[in-house]
Amino acid sequence: MAEQLSPKRRGPTRDERAMEWPFFVILYLTMAGGYVSALVADRSLREPDQWLLFTLLLVAQGSLYWFGARWSTSPRWWPAYFVVQAGLTFVIGLLVRGHWLALGLYMGMVGYIVGSLWPHLRRIGGAVVVCLGLLALNLIASWGAQVFVQSLPILGLMCAFVLIYVVLFVRQSQARERAQALLSELEVAHQQLQEYAAQVEELTLSQERERMARELHDTLAQGLAGLILQLEAADSHLEGGDPAQAQAVVQQAMRRARTTLHEARRAIRALRAPSLEQGGLVDALRREVEQFSATSGVETAFEVAAGLPEVSPEAAQQILRIVQESLSNVARHAQASYVLVRLAAMNGGLQVEVQDDGVGFDPDQGLARADCFGLAGMVERASRVGGVLRVESARGRGTGTRVVLEIEGRDWKERREGRDGRDPHPHR
C-alpha cells in the first residue's frame, strides 16, 4: 500500500506485505461487520435482488482491494482502478442509505489512496477530495443537508484520524525500507573492504618476496658464486705447485666471505624490528658501524659532533638506510681498509658523512646503470626527507669515496616539494 508511483514498479516485499496486514484486517472486519449490520438494520436489503446486488458489490470491492495492492499503484492502471472503486463505494452508499458502513468504506478508501499515492500530494489531494465529495452526496441523499452539516465535526475527526494513521504507517514503512537499503550497502561495502584488504595483503607479500629474492640474489647467491670460483682457482694453483698464489686467492675468498656475511646479516635485520626502535639515530648508527666492522674486517670509526638537532622518525629511518647502503657498497666494491662515519650539525640541520679510502668509482656511470639500484635508492631516500646527497669519487683516483647527506633544519617541506628551485636529486 505504501508503494510510490513509478514507471517501473517492483512488487511488494514480504516485509511490506506483513506491514500491510493490519490495514486489510481492519478494512475487511469493517466490511464484514457493516454487511451484517446493514442487513439487520434495513429489511429491504434482505430482498433477494437487493441482497444479491449488495453482496456482489461488497465482494467485488473487497476483491479489488486485495488484488489491487499488487498492481493498482501503476501509473497506467491506477486512475481506472480509482474510478471503479469510487463507483462501487458510491453505489453501496446509496444502497445502505447512510448506514455507518458507507462511512467505513469511504474512510478505508481515503487511507488506501494516501498509502498508494504517497508522496504525490497533489494526486492524493485530488483523489481525497473526490472521495469526500462522493461521501457528502451519499450522506446528503440519505440524511439530508441539515443532518450532514451537523455531522461534519465527527466526519472531520474520523478523516483526520485515518489520514494521520496512514501517514505514520507510510513513513514507518519508508524508514524501514531505507534502513534495509543502508544495511545492504554496508554489507556490500564490508565485503569490498575485505576483498581490498586481501588484495593489499597479497600484493604486500608479493612485493616482500620479490625484495627478499633481490636481497638474496645480490648477497648470498653472488657471494657464494664468487667464493666457489675463488676456491676453484686456489685449488688449481695448489695442483700447479703455486702455494703463494693459492694463499692470495684464499685471502681474497676470506674477504668476500666476510662481505657476504655482512650483507646476509643486514638482510636478516631488515626482516626484524628496526634498530631505531631500540634507541635513537645515534645508537642505531653506532650499532650498524660496529656490526660492519666485525663482519667485514674493515677498520671503522664513528664520530658524533655535539649539538645535533632533533630528527623526525621518518628522517632517521632514511638516514639509517643510506648509511647501511653506503657501508654495503664499501664492503662490496671499495676494497677499502678504513671507513669513517660522522654526524655533525649544519646550519640548524644535520650532515651525515661516510668516507672510505678505497679505489673509488664514477658516480655518474653508477646512476646511469639500469641494474644499479643502491645509489639511485640513496638519492630517492634523501629526497623524501628534503635532503641533498652528494657522492664525491672517481674511478682509480685512489682517494676513496665520500658520501655526504645534508638535511637542513628549515624549509624541509619546501625542499621536498622543490619550491626553492634547487635540484632535488643532485649526486655531485
Protein backbone atom coordinates (compact mmCIF):
# COMPACT_ATOMS: atom_id res chain seq x y z
CA MET A 1 0.00 0.00 0.00
CA ALA A 2 2.90 2.30 0.67
CA GLU A 3 4.41 1.90 -2.79
CA GLN A 4 5.24 5.04 -4.80
CA LEU A 5 4.16 5.61 -8.35
CA SER A 6 7.00 4.91 -10.76
CA PRO A 7 7.27 3.85 -14.40
CA LYS A 8 8.79 0.51 -13.38
CA ARG A 9 7.04 -0.72 -10.28
CA ARG A 10 8.56 -3.53 -8.27
CA GLY A 11 6.36 -5.96 -6.37
CA PRO A 12 5.92 -5.53 -2.63
CA THR A 13 8.40 -7.39 -0.47
CA ARG A 14 7.47 -9.92 2.18
CA ASP A 15 8.13 -7.36 4.95
CA GLU A 16 5.94 -4.77 3.24
CA ARG A 17 3.08 -7.27 2.87
CA ALA A 18 3.43 -8.12 6.56
CA MET A 19 3.16 -4.44 7.45
CA GLU A 20 0.01 -4.08 5.29
CA TRP A 21 -1.86 -6.80 7.16
CA PRO A 22 -3.25 -4.51 9.92
CA PHE A 23 -4.87 -2.25 7.31
CA PHE A 24 -6.55 -5.11 5.49
CA VAL A 25 -7.65 -6.79 8.71
CA ILE A 26 -9.36 -3.57 9.86
CA LEU A 27 -10.83 -3.00 6.39
CA TYR A 28 -12.31 -6.49 5.99
CA LEU A 29 -13.60 -6.60 9.56
CA THR A 30 -15.33 -3.28 8.92
CA MET A 31 -16.83 -4.57 5.68
CA ALA A 32 -17.99 -7.83 7.26
CA GLY A 33 -19.48 -6.13 10.33
CA GLY A 34 -21.12 -3.44 8.23
CA TYR A 35 -22.52 -6.05 5.86
CA VAL A 36 -24.24 -7.93 8.68
CA SER A 37 -25.32 -4.76 10.44
CA ALA A 38 -26.80 -3.27 7.26
CA LEU A 39 -28.76 -6.43 6.54
CA VAL A 40 -30.14 -6.45 10.08
CA ALA A 41 -30.98 -2.73 10.08
CA ASP A 42 -32.53 -2.50 6.60
CA ARG A 43 -35.17 -5.08 5.74
CA SER A 44 -35.20 -4.07 2.08
CA LEU A 45 -31.59 -5.26 1.70
CA ARG A 46 -32.70 -8.77 2.58
CA GLU A 47 -34.89 -8.99 -0.52
CA PRO A 48 -33.30 -11.43 -3.00
CA ASP A 49 -32.47 -8.96 -5.74
CA GLN A 50 -31.22 -6.27 -3.33
CA TRP A 51 -29.28 -8.78 -1.26
CA LEU A 52 -27.61 -10.28 -4.34
CA LEU A 53 -26.62 -6.86 -5.68
CA PHE A 54 -25.40 -5.69 -2.28
CA THR A 55 -23.40 -8.87 -1.73
CA LEU A 56 -21.81 -8.83 -5.19
CA LEU A 57 -20.84 -5.15 -4.89
CA LEU A 58 -19.22 -5.66 -1.49
CA VAL A 59 -17.37 -8.82 -2.61
CA ALA A 60 -16.16 -7.02 -5.76
CA GLN A 61 -14.87 -4.11 -3.73
CA GLY A 62 -13.08 -6.39 -1.25
CA SER A 63 -11.50 -8.34 -4.09
CA LEU A 64 -10.30 -5.15 -5.76
CA TYR A 65 -8.64 -4.08 -2.53
CA TRP A 66 -6.87 -7.42 -2.19
CA PHE A 67 -5.64 -7.74 -5.76
CA GLY A 68 -5.22 -4.00 -6.23
CA ALA A 69 -2.49 -3.97 -3.58
CA ARG A 70 -0.26 -5.69 -6.15
CA TRP A 71 -0.93 -3.66 -9.27
CA SER A 72 -3.19 -0.67 -8.55
CA THR A 73 -0.27 1.74 -7.91
CA SER A 74 0.87 1.52 -11.51
CA PRO A 75 0.53 4.95 -13.22
CA ARG A 76 -1.21 3.21 -16.08
CA TRP A 77 -3.92 1.40 -14.11
CA TRP A 78 -4.45 3.49 -11.02
CA PRO A 79 -6.93 6.06 -12.49
CA ALA A 80 -9.17 3.26 -13.78
CA TYR A 81 -8.84 1.41 -10.51
CA PHE A 82 -9.79 4.57 -8.58
CA VAL A 83 -12.84 5.21 -10.75
CA VAL A 84 -14.09 1.64 -10.31
CA GLN A 85 -13.54 1.64 -6.54
CA ALA A 86 -15.13 5.06 -6.11
CA GLY A 87 -18.12 3.97 -8.19
CA LEU A 88 -18.57 0.78 -6.15
CA THR A 89 -18.37 2.71 -2.88
CA PHE A 90 -20.89 5.31 -4.08
CA VAL A 91 -23.41 2.65 -5.22
CA ILE A 92 -23.02 0.75 -1.94
CA GLY A 93 -23.56 4.02 -0.07
CA LEU A 94 -26.81 4.55 -1.93
CA LEU A 95 -27.95 1.02 -1.14
CA VAL A 96 -27.26 1.18 2.62
CA ARG A 97 -28.89 4.67 2.88
CA GLY A 98 -26.49 6.39 5.24
CA HIS A 99 -25.53 3.34 7.28
CA TRP A 100 -22.17 3.55 9.03
CA LEU A 101 -20.84 1.00 6.53
CA ALA A 102 -20.69 3.79 3.95
CA LEU A 103 -18.51 5.87 6.29
CA GLY A 104 -16.22 2.90 6.88
CA LEU A 105 -15.85 2.21 3.16
CA TYR A 106 -15.06 5.83 2.35
CA MET A 107 -12.53 6.12 5.22
CA GLY A 108 -10.88 2.90 4.05
CA MET A 109 -10.67 4.27 0.54
CA VAL A 110 -9.14 7.54 1.79
CA GLY A 111 -6.49 5.57 3.68
CA TYR A 112 -5.79 3.40 0.67
CA ILE A 113 -5.40 6.46 -1.56
CA VAL A 114 -2.85 8.07 0.76
CA GLY A 115 -0.84 4.86 1.13
CA SER A 116 -0.85 4.11 -2.60
CA LEU A 117 -0.04 7.59 -3.91
CA TRP A 118 2.39 8.79 -1.23
CA PRO A 119 4.30 11.14 -1.51
CA HIS A 120 2.49 12.65 -4.53
CA LEU A 121 0.50 15.16 -2.51
CA ARG A 122 -1.35 16.73 -5.42
CA ARG A 123 -2.70 13.39 -6.61
CA ILE A 124 -3.58 12.45 -3.05
CA GLY A 125 -5.41 15.73 -2.52
CA GLY A 126 -7.40 15.40 -5.73
CA ALA A 127 -8.41 11.80 -5.07
CA VAL A 128 -9.34 12.50 -1.42
CA VAL A 129 -11.48 15.49 -2.45
CA VAL A 130 -13.34 13.29 -4.94
CA CYS A 131 -13.92 10.63 -2.26
CA LEU A 132 -15.16 13.16 0.29
CA GLY A 133 -17.41 14.71 -2.34
CA LEU A 134 -19.00 11.34 -3.11
CA LEU A 135 -19.38 10.74 0.63
CA ALA A 136 -21.14 14.08 1.01
CA LEU A 137 -23.54 13.22 -1.83
CA ASN A 138 -24.30 9.84 -0.23
CA LEU A 139 -24.95 11.31 3.19
CA ILE A 140 -26.98 14.26 1.93
CA ALA A 141 -29.13 11.89 -0.13
CA SER A 142 -29.66 9.67 2.92
CA TRP A 143 -29.67 12.09 5.87
CA GLY A 144 -30.49 15.44 4.35
CA ALA A 145 -28.30 18.53 4.17
CA GLN A 146 -29.02 19.73 7.74
CA VAL A 147 -28.04 16.47 9.41
CA PHE A 148 -24.98 16.25 7.18
CA VAL A 149 -23.80 19.71 8.24
CA GLN A 150 -24.29 18.83 11.89
CA SER A 151 -22.22 15.68 11.41
CA LEU A 152 -19.27 17.48 9.78
CA PRO A 153 -17.15 17.74 13.01
CA ILE A 154 -17.41 14.00 13.60
CA LEU A 155 -16.70 13.25 9.96
CA GLY A 156 -13.68 15.60 10.06
CA LEU A 157 -12.26 13.83 13.14
CA MET A 158 -12.72 10.44 11.51
CA CYS A 159 -10.99 11.60 8.33
CA ALA A 160 -8.14 13.20 10.28
CA PHE A 161 -7.61 10.02 12.30
CA VAL A 162 -7.43 7.93 9.13
CA LEU A 163 -5.03 10.33 7.45
CA ILE A 164 -2.71 10.52 10.47
CA TYR A 165 -2.68 6.76 10.89
CA VAL A 166 -1.90 6.10 7.23
CA VAL A 167 0.79 8.81 7.03
CA LEU A 168 2.55 7.41 10.10
CA PHE A 169 2.29 3.93 8.65
CA VAL A 170 3.77 5.04 5.32
CA ARG A 171 6.64 6.88 6.98
CA GLN A 172 7.44 3.89 9.15
CA SER A 173 7.44 1.69 6.08
CA GLN A 174 9.74 4.03 4.21
CA ALA A 175 12.11 4.33 7.20
CA ARG A 176 12.28 0.55 7.41
CA GLU A 177 12.99 0.31 3.70
CA ARG A 178 15.78 2.92 3.94
CA ALA A 179 17.30 1.09 6.91
CA GLN A 180 17.30 -2.17 4.97
CA ALA A 181 18.88 -0.44 1.96
CA LEU A 182 21.61 1.07 4.15
CA LEU A 183 22.22 -2.30 5.74
CA SER A 184 22.60 -3.88 2.31
CA GLU A 185 25.02 -1.13 1.26
CA LEU A 186 27.04 -1.63 4.43
CA GLU A 187 27.26 -5.36 3.79
CA VAL A 188 28.44 -4.72 0.23
CA ALA A 189 30.97 -2.14 1.42
CA HIS A 190 32.22 -4.52 4.11
CA GLN A 191 32.67 -7.28 1.56
CA GLN A 192 34.54 -4.91 -0.76
CA LEU A 193 36.80 -3.81 2.09
CA GLN A 194 37.59 -7.43 2.87
CA GLU A 195 38.43 -8.05 -0.78
CA TYR A 196 40.61 -4.93 -0.93
CA ALA A 197 42.39 -5.95 2.28
CA ALA A 198 43.07 -9.39 0.85
CA GLN A 199 44.41 -7.84 -2.37
CA VAL A 200 46.64 -5.42 -0.44
CA GLU A 201 47.94 -8.25 1.73
CA GLU A 202 48.65 -10.39 -1.31
CA LEU A 203 50.39 -7.51 -3.08
CA THR A 204 52.45 -6.70 0.01
CA LEU A 205 53.55 -10.31 0.38
CA SER A 206 54.39 -10.47 -3.30
CA GLN A 207 56.48 -7.31 -3.12
CA GLU A 208 58.24 -8.54 0.03
CA ARG A 209 59.05 -11.85 -1.67
CA GLU A 210 60.46 -10.01 -4.66
CA ARG A 211 62.53 -7.76 -2.39
CA MET A 212 63.91 -10.72 -0.46
CA ALA A 213 64.66 -12.51 -3.72
CA ARG A 214 66.69 -9.49 -4.87
CA GLU A 215 68.46 -9.30 -1.50
CA LEU A 216 69.37 -12.99 -1.55
CA HIS A 217 70.48 -12.80 -5.17
CA ASP A 218 72.66 -9.75 -4.55
CA THR A 219 74.19 -11.10 -1.33
CA LEU A 220 74.21 -14.86 -0.78
CA ALA A 221 73.90 -16.02 -4.38
CA GLN A 222 76.53 -13.71 -5.84
CA GLY A 223 78.80 -14.07 -2.80
CA LEU A 224 78.69 -17.85 -2.84
CA ALA A 225 79.21 -17.94 -6.61
CA GLY A 226 82.31 -15.76 -6.19
CA LEU A 227 83.58 -17.93 -3.35
CA ILE A 228 83.19 -21.05 -5.48
CA LEU A 229 85.21 -19.50 -8.31
CA GLN A 230 87.93 -18.32 -5.95
CA LEU A 231 88.18 -21.70 -4.20
CA GLU A 232 88.38 -23.43 -7.56
CA ALA A 233 91.17 -21.05 -8.53
CA ALA A 234 93.02 -21.74 -5.27
CA ASP A 235 92.64 -25.48 -5.83
CA SER A 236 94.03 -25.08 -9.33
CA HIS A 237 97.06 -23.15 -8.03
CA LEU A 238 97.72 -25.83 -5.41
CA GLU A 239 97.64 -28.55 -8.05
CA GLY A 240 100.04 -26.48 -10.17
CA GLY A 241 102.51 -26.17 -7.31
CA ASP A 242 101.98 -22.44 -6.66
CA PRO A 243 101.03 -22.18 -2.98
CA ALA A 244 101.78 -18.46 -2.75
CA GLN A 245 99.22 -17.61 -5.42
CA ALA A 246 96.77 -20.06 -3.84
CA GLN A 247 97.16 -18.31 -0.49
CA ALA A 248 96.48 -14.93 -2.08
CA VAL A 249 93.30 -16.26 -3.68
CA VAL A 250 92.23 -17.79 -0.36
CA GLN A 251 92.69 -14.43 1.37
CA GLN A 252 90.51 -12.81 -1.30
CA ALA A 253 87.92 -15.52 -0.68
CA MET A 254 88.02 -14.76 3.04
CA ARG A 255 87.33 -11.07 2.39
CA ARG A 256 84.49 -11.98 0.09
CA ALA A 257 83.06 -14.34 2.70
CA ARG A 258 83.12 -11.55 5.31
CA THR A 259 81.39 -9.19 2.90
CA THR A 260 78.76 -11.81 2.08
CA LEU A 261 78.20 -12.46 5.78
CA HIS A 262 77.71 -8.73 6.42
CA GLU A 263 75.20 -8.45 3.58
CA ALA A 264 73.29 -11.53 4.75
CA ARG A 265 73.04 -10.21 8.30
CA ARG A 266 71.88 -6.84 7.01
CA ALA A 267 69.13 -8.56 5.02
CA ILE A 268 68.08 -10.54 8.09
CA ARG A 269 67.99 -7.40 10.26
CA ALA A 270 65.69 -5.78 7.71
CA LEU A 271 63.12 -8.50 8.45
CA ARG A 272 63.27 -7.94 12.20
CA ALA A 273 62.32 -4.94 14.32
CA PRO A 274 64.24 -1.83 13.16
CA SER A 275 67.18 -0.87 15.32
CA LEU A 276 65.66 2.58 15.67
CA GLU A 277 63.03 1.07 17.96
CA GLN A 278 65.78 0.13 20.43
CA GLY A 279 67.20 3.66 20.67
CA GLY A 280 67.79 6.91 18.80
CA LEU A 281 69.52 7.53 15.50
CA VAL A 282 73.00 7.81 17.03
CA ASP A 283 72.70 4.46 18.83
CA ALA A 284 71.35 2.77 15.71
CA LEU A 285 74.22 4.08 13.58
CA ARG A 286 76.78 3.08 16.19
CA ARG A 287 75.48 -0.47 16.22
CA GLU A 288 75.49 -0.53 12.43
CA VAL A 289 79.12 0.64 12.30
CA GLU A 290 80.22 -1.90 14.90
CA GLN A 291 78.42 -4.68 13.05
CA PHE A 292 80.01 -3.64 9.75
CA SER A 293 83.50 -3.61 11.26
CA ALA A 294 83.03 -7.02 12.88
CA THR A 295 81.72 -8.74 9.77
CA SER A 296 83.77 -7.05 7.05
CA GLY A 297 87.13 -6.77 8.86
CA VAL A 298 87.46 -3.13 7.74
CA GLU A 299 88.63 -0.66 10.38
CA THR A 300 85.77 1.74 11.01
CA ALA A 301 85.44 4.94 13.05
CA PHE A 302 82.25 6.63 14.21
CA GLU A 303 82.26 10.30 15.17
CA VAL A 304 79.36 12.31 16.56
CA ALA A 305 79.64 16.07 16.95
CA ALA A 306 77.92 17.99 19.73
CA GLY A 307 74.68 19.92 19.30
CA LEU A 308 72.93 17.59 16.86
CA PRO A 309 69.37 18.70 16.02
CA GLU A 310 66.32 16.54 16.61
CA VAL A 311 65.44 14.32 13.71
CA SER A 312 61.95 13.05 12.85
CA PRO A 313 61.38 9.26 12.85
CA GLU A 314 60.94 9.28 9.07
CA ALA A 315 64.21 11.16 8.54
CA ALA A 316 66.05 8.90 11.00
CA GLN A 317 64.83 5.82 9.12
CA GLN A 318 66.01 7.19 5.77
CA ILE A 319 69.40 8.26 7.21
CA LEU A 320 69.97 4.80 8.66
CA ARG A 321 69.15 3.14 5.33
CA ILE A 322 71.50 5.50 3.45
CA VAL A 323 74.38 4.72 5.83
CA GLN A 324 73.67 0.99 5.58
CA GLU A 325 73.73 1.13 1.78
CA SER A 326 76.95 3.19 1.82
CA LEU A 327 78.70 0.68 4.08
CA SER A 328 77.40 -2.17 1.95
CA ASN A 329 78.91 -0.55 -1.15
CA VAL A 330 82.20 -0.13 0.66
CA ALA A 331 82.29 -3.81 1.61
CA ARG A 332 81.36 -4.98 -1.89
CA HIS A 333 83.25 -2.64 -4.18
CA ALA A 334 85.64 -0.22 -2.48
CA GLN A 335 88.44 -2.59 -1.34
CA ALA A 336 88.94 -0.14 1.50
CA SER A 337 90.95 -0.56 4.70
CA TYR A 338 89.39 2.33 6.64
CA VAL A 339 85.91 3.88 6.84
CA LEU A 340 84.72 6.97 8.71
CA VAL A 341 81.08 7.62 9.60
CA ARG A 342 80.48 11.09 11.01
CA LEU A 343 77.44 13.07 12.19
CA ALA A 344 77.62 16.84 12.56
CA ALA A 345 75.30 19.83 12.93
CA MET A 346 74.98 22.14 9.92
CA ASN A 347 73.04 25.44 9.89
CA GLY A 348 70.41 24.08 12.23
CA GLY A 349 70.27 20.84 10.24
CA LEU A 350 72.24 17.62 10.04
CA GLN A 351 75.18 16.41 7.97
CA VAL A 352 75.93 12.70 7.64
CA GLU A 353 79.21 11.61 6.05
CA VAL A 354 80.54 8.19 5.06
CA GLN A 355 84.11 8.25 3.76
CA ASP A 356 86.45 5.40 2.78
CA ASP A 357 89.96 5.06 1.37
CA GLY A 358 89.06 2.57 -1.35
CA VAL A 359 89.56 2.55 -5.11
CA GLY A 360 86.64 4.87 -5.93
CA PHE A 361 84.16 4.78 -8.81
CA ASP A 362 82.34 7.01 -11.29
CA PRO A 363 79.05 8.20 -9.66
CA ASP A 364 77.55 9.32 -12.99
CA GLN A 365 78.14 5.90 -14.51
CA GLY A 366 76.71 4.23 -11.43
CA LEU A 367 73.49 6.22 -11.65
CA ALA A 368 73.17 5.53 -15.37
CA ARG A 369 73.32 1.75 -14.97
CA ALA A 370 69.88 0.12 -15.07
CA ASP A 371 70.91 -2.62 -12.64
CA CYS A 372 72.43 -0.26 -10.07
CA PHE A 373 69.66 0.30 -7.54
CA GLY A 374 71.75 1.16 -4.49
CA LEU A 375 72.94 4.64 -5.43
CA ALA A 376 69.61 5.63 -7.02
CA GLY A 377 67.79 4.41 -3.91
CA MET A 378 70.05 6.54 -1.68
CA VAL A 379 69.23 9.62 -3.76
CA GLU A 380 65.49 8.88 -3.54
CA ARG A 381 65.68 8.40 0.23
CA ALA A 382 67.45 11.72 0.65
CA SER A 383 64.82 13.45 -1.46
CA ARG A 384 61.98 12.04 0.68
CA VAL A 385 63.17 13.97 3.73
CA GLY A 386 64.14 17.13 1.82
CA GLY A 387 67.84 16.29 1.92
CA VAL A 388 70.66 16.59 -0.60
CA LEU A 389 73.00 13.67 -1.31
CA ARG A 390 76.49 14.22 -2.74
CA VAL A 391 78.83 11.45 -3.88
CA GLU A 392 82.44 12.54 -4.36
CA SER A 393 84.58 9.90 -6.02
CA ALA A 394 86.41 8.97 -9.19
CA ARG A 395 87.42 5.60 -10.60
CA GLY A 396 91.06 4.75 -9.95
CA ARG A 397 91.75 8.01 -8.15
CA GLY A 398 92.94 6.15 -5.05
CA THR A 399 91.50 8.66 -2.61
CA GLY A 400 88.33 6.67 -1.90
CA THR A 401 84.70 7.78 -1.89
CA ARG A 402 82.91 10.39 0.18
CA VAL A 403 79.11 10.22 0.57
CA VAL A 404 77.59 13.32 2.17
CA LEU A 405 73.93 13.71 3.16
CA GLU A 406 72.78 17.19 4.17
CA ILE A 407 69.38 17.87 5.69
CA GLU A 408 68.62 21.48 6.57
CA GLY A 409 66.63 22.25 9.70
CA ARG A 410 64.42 24.82 7.96
CA ASP A 411 62.16 24.64 4.89
CA TRP A 412 62.20 20.84 4.81
CA LYS A 413 58.75 20.76 3.33
CA GLU A 414 59.60 23.28 0.64
CA ARG A 415 62.77 21.38 -0.16
CA ARG A 416 60.78 18.15 -0.53
CA GLU A 417 58.30 19.80 -2.86
CA GLY A 418 61.05 21.52 -4.89
CA ARG A 419 59.76 25.03 -4.17
CA ASP A 420 63.19 26.50 -3.50
CA GLY A 421 64.27 25.89 -7.08
CA ARG A 422 67.09 23.52 -6.19
CA ASP A 423 67.65 20.14 -7.81
CA PRO A 424 66.10 17.51 -5.52
CA HIS A 425 68.38 14.76 -6.90
CA PRO A 426 71.95 16.10 -7.01
CA HIS A 427 74.70 13.50 -6.73
CA ARG A 428 77.82 15.53 -7.32
